[in-house]
């Protein structure tokens, strides 16, 4: 079990805009206690920036994949890095 706080950046491609994707991610992140933001990008993708323990973030990514929106995800680009101290969870 990892207790170190990390950051994950994910770019989701596919049918991820106009389907409640960001709001679902916000709810899932809140349930797990992760901080960050989800934002629509001009190219039709959604960018997720989240912080929490590595275990929490891995659980968040899994829950997104198995949610009702998971079928719309065609591609994920995942990058791990150090936390910046984000608080709350915003939708942009």
N, C-alpha and C. Protein backbone atom coordinates (compact mmCIF):
# COMPACT_ATOMS: atom_id res chain seq x y z
N UNK A 1 0.84 -1.18 0.00
CA UNK A 1 0.00 0.00 0.00
C UNK A 1 0.89 1.25 0.00
N UNK A 2 0.68 2.11 -0.98
CA UNK A 2 1.48 3.31 -1.11
C UNK A 2 0.78 4.49 -0.45
N UNK A 3 1.51 5.21 0.41
CA UNK A 3 0.94 6.37 1.08
C UNK A 3 1.52 7.68 0.56
N UNK A 4 2.48 7.61 -0.35
CA UNK A 4 3.06 8.82 -0.94
C UNK A 4 2.04 9.48 -1.87
N UNK A 5 1.92 10.80 -1.79
CA UNK A 5 0.99 11.53 -2.65
C UNK A 5 1.66 11.75 -4.01
N UNK A 6 0.92 11.43 -5.06
CA UNK A 6 1.43 11.55 -6.44
C UNK A 6 0.42 12.29 -7.28
N UNK A 7 0.82 12.52 -8.51
CA UNK A 7 -0.08 13.15 -9.48
C UNK A 7 -0.15 12.26 -10.70
N UNK A 8 -1.35 12.19 -11.28
CA UNK A 8 -1.52 11.48 -12.54
C UNK A 8 -2.22 12.43 -13.51
N UNK A 9 -1.71 12.42 -14.74
CA UNK A 9 -2.32 13.20 -15.83
C UNK A 9 -2.77 12.20 -16.88
N UNK A 10 -4.03 12.32 -17.27
CA UNK A 10 -4.57 11.37 -18.25
C UNK A 10 -5.30 12.13 -19.34
N UNK A 11 -5.03 11.75 -20.56
CA UNK A 11 -5.77 12.30 -21.71
C UNK A 11 -6.65 11.17 -22.23
N UNK A 12 -7.96 11.41 -22.15
CA UNK A 12 -8.93 10.42 -22.63
C UNK A 12 -9.43 10.84 -24.00
N UNK A 13 -9.43 9.91 -24.94
CA UNK A 13 -9.93 10.15 -26.29
C UNK A 13 -11.09 9.19 -26.56
N UNK A 14 -11.97 9.62 -27.44
CA UNK A 14 -13.13 8.82 -27.80
C UNK A 14 -14.40 9.61 -27.58
N UNK A 15 -15.47 8.92 -27.23
CA UNK A 15 -16.75 9.57 -26.94
C UNK A 15 -16.76 10.01 -25.48
N UNK A 16 -16.00 11.08 -25.20
CA UNK A 16 -15.81 11.50 -23.81
C UNK A 16 -16.32 12.92 -23.54
N UNK A 17 -16.81 13.61 -24.56
CA UNK A 17 -17.41 14.92 -24.34
C UNK A 17 -18.90 14.85 -24.62
N UNK A 18 -19.68 15.59 -23.82
CA UNK A 18 -21.12 15.61 -24.01
C UNK A 18 -21.85 14.41 -23.45
N UNK A 19 -21.16 13.62 -22.61
CA UNK A 19 -21.78 12.41 -22.05
C UNK A 19 -21.71 12.37 -20.52
N UNK A 20 -21.34 13.50 -19.90
CA UNK A 20 -21.24 13.54 -18.44
C UNK A 20 -19.93 13.00 -17.90
N UNK A 21 -18.93 12.89 -18.75
CA UNK A 21 -17.65 12.29 -18.36
C UNK A 21 -17.01 13.04 -17.20
N UNK A 22 -16.89 14.37 -17.33
CA UNK A 22 -16.22 15.15 -16.29
C UNK A 22 -16.96 15.07 -14.95
N UNK A 23 -18.27 15.09 -15.01
CA UNK A 23 -19.06 15.03 -13.78
C UNK A 23 -18.95 13.67 -13.11
N UNK A 24 -18.90 12.62 -13.91
CA UNK A 24 -18.70 11.28 -13.36
C UNK A 24 -17.33 11.17 -12.71
N UNK A 25 -16.30 11.71 -13.37
CA UNK A 25 -14.95 11.70 -12.81
C UNK A 25 -14.91 12.49 -11.51
N UNK A 26 -15.59 13.64 -11.47
CA UNK A 26 -15.63 14.45 -10.25
C UNK A 26 -16.25 13.66 -9.09
N UNK A 27 -17.34 12.96 -9.36
CA UNK A 27 -18.00 12.16 -8.32
C UNK A 27 -17.10 11.03 -7.85
N UNK A 28 -16.49 10.32 -8.80
CA UNK A 28 -15.61 9.21 -8.43
C UNK A 28 -14.41 9.70 -7.63
N UNK A 29 -13.82 10.81 -8.05
CA UNK A 29 -12.68 11.38 -7.33
C UNK A 29 -13.08 11.79 -5.92
N UNK A 30 -14.25 12.41 -5.80
CA UNK A 30 -14.74 12.81 -4.48
C UNK A 30 -14.97 11.62 -3.57
N UNK A 31 -15.50 10.55 -4.11
CA UNK A 31 -15.72 9.33 -3.32
C UNK A 31 -14.41 8.78 -2.76
N UNK A 32 -13.33 8.96 -3.53
CA UNK A 32 -12.02 8.41 -3.13
C UNK A 32 -11.15 9.42 -2.39
N UNK A 33 -11.56 10.68 -2.38
CA UNK A 33 -10.77 11.71 -1.72
C UNK A 33 -9.62 12.25 -2.55
N UNK A 34 -9.71 12.10 -3.88
CA UNK A 34 -8.67 12.63 -4.77
C UNK A 34 -8.97 14.08 -5.11
N UNK A 35 -7.94 14.86 -5.32
CA UNK A 35 -8.07 16.26 -5.72
C UNK A 35 -7.69 16.40 -7.18
N UNK A 36 -8.11 17.51 -7.81
CA UNK A 36 -7.67 17.75 -9.18
C UNK A 36 -8.70 18.45 -10.01
N UNK A 37 -8.70 18.13 -11.31
CA UNK A 37 -9.65 18.75 -12.22
C UNK A 37 -9.81 17.89 -13.47
N UNK A 38 -10.93 18.07 -14.14
CA UNK A 38 -11.20 17.43 -15.42
C UNK A 38 -11.66 18.52 -16.37
N UNK A 39 -11.11 18.54 -17.56
CA UNK A 39 -11.46 19.60 -18.49
C UNK A 39 -11.57 19.08 -19.92
N UNK A 40 -12.56 19.63 -20.64
CA UNK A 40 -12.69 19.34 -22.06
C UNK A 40 -11.59 20.07 -22.80
N UNK A 41 -11.06 19.41 -23.81
CA UNK A 41 -10.02 20.01 -24.65
C UNK A 41 -10.61 20.30 -26.03
N UNK A 42 -10.09 21.29 -26.73
CA UNK A 42 -10.63 21.65 -28.04
C UNK A 42 -10.63 20.52 -29.06
N UNK A 43 -9.74 19.55 -28.90
CA UNK A 43 -9.65 18.44 -29.86
C UNK A 43 -10.65 17.32 -29.60
N UNK A 44 -11.54 17.50 -28.60
CA UNK A 44 -12.56 16.49 -28.30
C UNK A 44 -12.17 15.53 -27.20
N UNK A 45 -10.96 15.65 -26.69
CA UNK A 45 -10.52 14.79 -25.59
C UNK A 45 -10.87 15.44 -24.25
N UNK A 46 -10.68 14.67 -23.19
CA UNK A 46 -10.83 15.17 -21.82
C UNK A 46 -9.51 14.95 -21.12
N UNK A 47 -9.06 15.96 -20.40
CA UNK A 47 -7.81 15.87 -19.64
C UNK A 47 -8.16 15.78 -18.16
N UNK A 48 -7.60 14.78 -17.51
CA UNK A 48 -7.74 14.59 -16.07
C UNK A 48 -6.40 14.86 -15.41
N UNK A 49 -6.41 15.67 -14.37
CA UNK A 49 -5.25 15.91 -13.53
C UNK A 49 -5.72 15.60 -12.12
N UNK A 50 -5.13 14.58 -11.49
CA UNK A 50 -5.58 14.17 -10.17
C UNK A 50 -4.41 13.90 -9.25
N UNK A 51 -4.62 14.17 -7.96
CA UNK A 51 -3.62 13.91 -6.95
C UNK A 51 -4.22 13.14 -5.79
N UNK A 52 -3.40 12.28 -5.23
CA UNK A 52 -3.77 11.45 -4.10
C UNK A 52 -2.69 10.40 -3.93
N UNK A 53 -2.92 9.45 -3.05
CA UNK A 53 -1.94 8.37 -2.95
C UNK A 53 -2.00 7.56 -4.24
N UNK A 54 -0.93 6.87 -4.54
CA UNK A 54 -0.91 6.07 -5.75
C UNK A 54 -2.04 5.05 -5.77
N UNK A 55 -2.32 4.45 -4.61
CA UNK A 55 -3.41 3.47 -4.53
C UNK A 55 -4.76 4.11 -4.87
N UNK A 56 -5.00 5.31 -4.35
CA UNK A 56 -6.25 6.02 -4.63
C UNK A 56 -6.34 6.36 -6.12
N UNK A 57 -5.27 6.84 -6.69
CA UNK A 57 -5.28 7.21 -8.10
C UNK A 57 -5.47 6.00 -9.01
N UNK A 58 -4.85 4.89 -8.69
CA UNK A 58 -5.05 3.67 -9.47
C UNK A 58 -6.51 3.21 -9.37
N UNK A 59 -7.08 3.33 -8.19
CA UNK A 59 -8.49 2.97 -8.00
C UNK A 59 -9.39 3.92 -8.82
N UNK A 60 -9.06 5.21 -8.84
CA UNK A 60 -9.83 6.17 -9.64
C UNK A 60 -9.79 5.80 -11.12
N UNK A 61 -8.61 5.52 -11.64
CA UNK A 61 -8.49 5.16 -13.06
C UNK A 61 -9.27 3.89 -13.38
N UNK A 62 -9.23 2.93 -12.48
CA UNK A 62 -10.00 1.69 -12.68
C UNK A 62 -11.50 1.98 -12.68
N UNK A 63 -11.95 2.77 -11.73
CA UNK A 63 -13.38 3.08 -11.64
C UNK A 63 -13.87 3.85 -12.87
N UNK A 64 -13.03 4.71 -13.41
CA UNK A 64 -13.41 5.41 -14.64
C UNK A 64 -13.58 4.41 -15.77
N UNK A 65 -12.64 3.47 -15.90
CA UNK A 65 -12.70 2.47 -16.98
C UNK A 65 -13.93 1.58 -16.88
N UNK A 66 -14.33 1.22 -15.66
CA UNK A 66 -15.46 0.29 -15.52
C UNK A 66 -16.79 1.02 -15.34
N UNK A 67 -16.77 2.36 -15.34
CA UNK A 67 -18.02 3.12 -15.22
C UNK A 67 -18.81 2.98 -16.52
N UNK A 68 -20.01 3.53 -16.52
CA UNK A 68 -20.86 3.48 -17.72
C UNK A 68 -20.22 4.21 -18.90
N UNK A 69 -19.25 5.08 -18.63
CA UNK A 69 -18.59 5.83 -19.68
C UNK A 69 -17.37 5.13 -20.25
N UNK A 70 -16.95 4.07 -19.60
CA UNK A 70 -15.74 3.36 -20.03
C UNK A 70 -15.79 2.87 -21.46
N UNK A 71 -16.97 2.50 -21.93
CA UNK A 71 -17.09 2.02 -23.30
C UNK A 71 -16.75 3.09 -24.33
N UNK A 72 -16.90 4.36 -23.95
CA UNK A 72 -16.61 5.45 -24.88
C UNK A 72 -15.13 5.80 -24.96
N UNK A 73 -14.33 5.27 -24.05
CA UNK A 73 -12.91 5.58 -24.04
C UNK A 73 -12.21 4.73 -25.11
N UNK A 74 -11.63 5.39 -26.07
CA UNK A 74 -10.89 4.69 -27.13
C UNK A 74 -9.40 4.64 -26.83
N UNK A 75 -8.91 5.64 -26.11
CA UNK A 75 -7.48 5.70 -25.82
C UNK A 75 -7.23 6.50 -24.55
N UNK A 76 -6.25 6.06 -23.76
CA UNK A 76 -5.81 6.78 -22.57
C UNK A 76 -4.30 7.01 -22.68
N UNK A 77 -3.88 8.21 -22.38
CA UNK A 77 -2.45 8.49 -22.27
C UNK A 77 -2.22 8.88 -20.82
N UNK A 78 -1.44 8.09 -20.09
CA UNK A 78 -1.26 8.27 -18.65
C UNK A 78 0.18 8.66 -18.36
N UNK A 79 0.34 9.72 -17.57
CA UNK A 79 1.66 10.16 -17.12
C UNK A 79 1.62 10.34 -15.61
N UNK A 80 2.61 9.81 -14.91
CA UNK A 80 2.73 9.95 -13.46
C UNK A 80 3.79 10.97 -13.13
N UNK A 81 3.59 11.70 -12.04
CA UNK A 81 4.57 12.69 -11.62
C UNK A 81 4.38 13.06 -10.16
N UNK A 82 5.18 14.01 -9.70
CA UNK A 82 5.08 14.46 -8.31
C UNK A 82 3.84 15.34 -8.10
N UNK A 83 3.30 15.30 -6.91
CA UNK A 83 2.12 16.11 -6.57
C UNK A 83 2.50 17.58 -6.46
N UNK A 84 1.52 18.44 -6.74
CA UNK A 84 1.70 19.88 -6.65
C UNK A 84 0.94 20.49 -5.47
N UNK A 85 0.17 19.66 -4.76
CA UNK A 85 -0.60 20.17 -3.63
C UNK A 85 -1.99 20.66 -4.00
N UNK A 86 -2.61 20.05 -4.99
CA UNK A 86 -3.95 20.45 -5.40
C UNK A 86 -4.97 20.16 -4.30
N UNK A 87 -6.02 20.95 -4.25
CA UNK A 87 -7.11 20.72 -3.30
C UNK A 87 -8.43 20.81 -4.05
N UNK A 88 -9.43 20.08 -3.57
CA UNK A 88 -10.73 20.09 -4.20
C UNK A 88 -10.68 19.42 -5.56
N UNK A 89 -11.82 19.47 -6.27
CA UNK A 89 -11.88 18.90 -7.61
C UNK A 89 -12.74 19.82 -8.46
N UNK A 90 -12.17 20.31 -9.54
CA UNK A 90 -12.85 21.27 -10.42
C UNK A 90 -13.16 20.66 -11.77
N UNK A 91 -14.22 21.19 -12.37
CA UNK A 91 -14.57 20.85 -13.75
C UNK A 91 -14.38 22.11 -14.57
N UNK A 92 -13.69 21.97 -15.67
CA UNK A 92 -13.47 23.13 -16.56
C UNK A 92 -13.95 22.82 -17.95
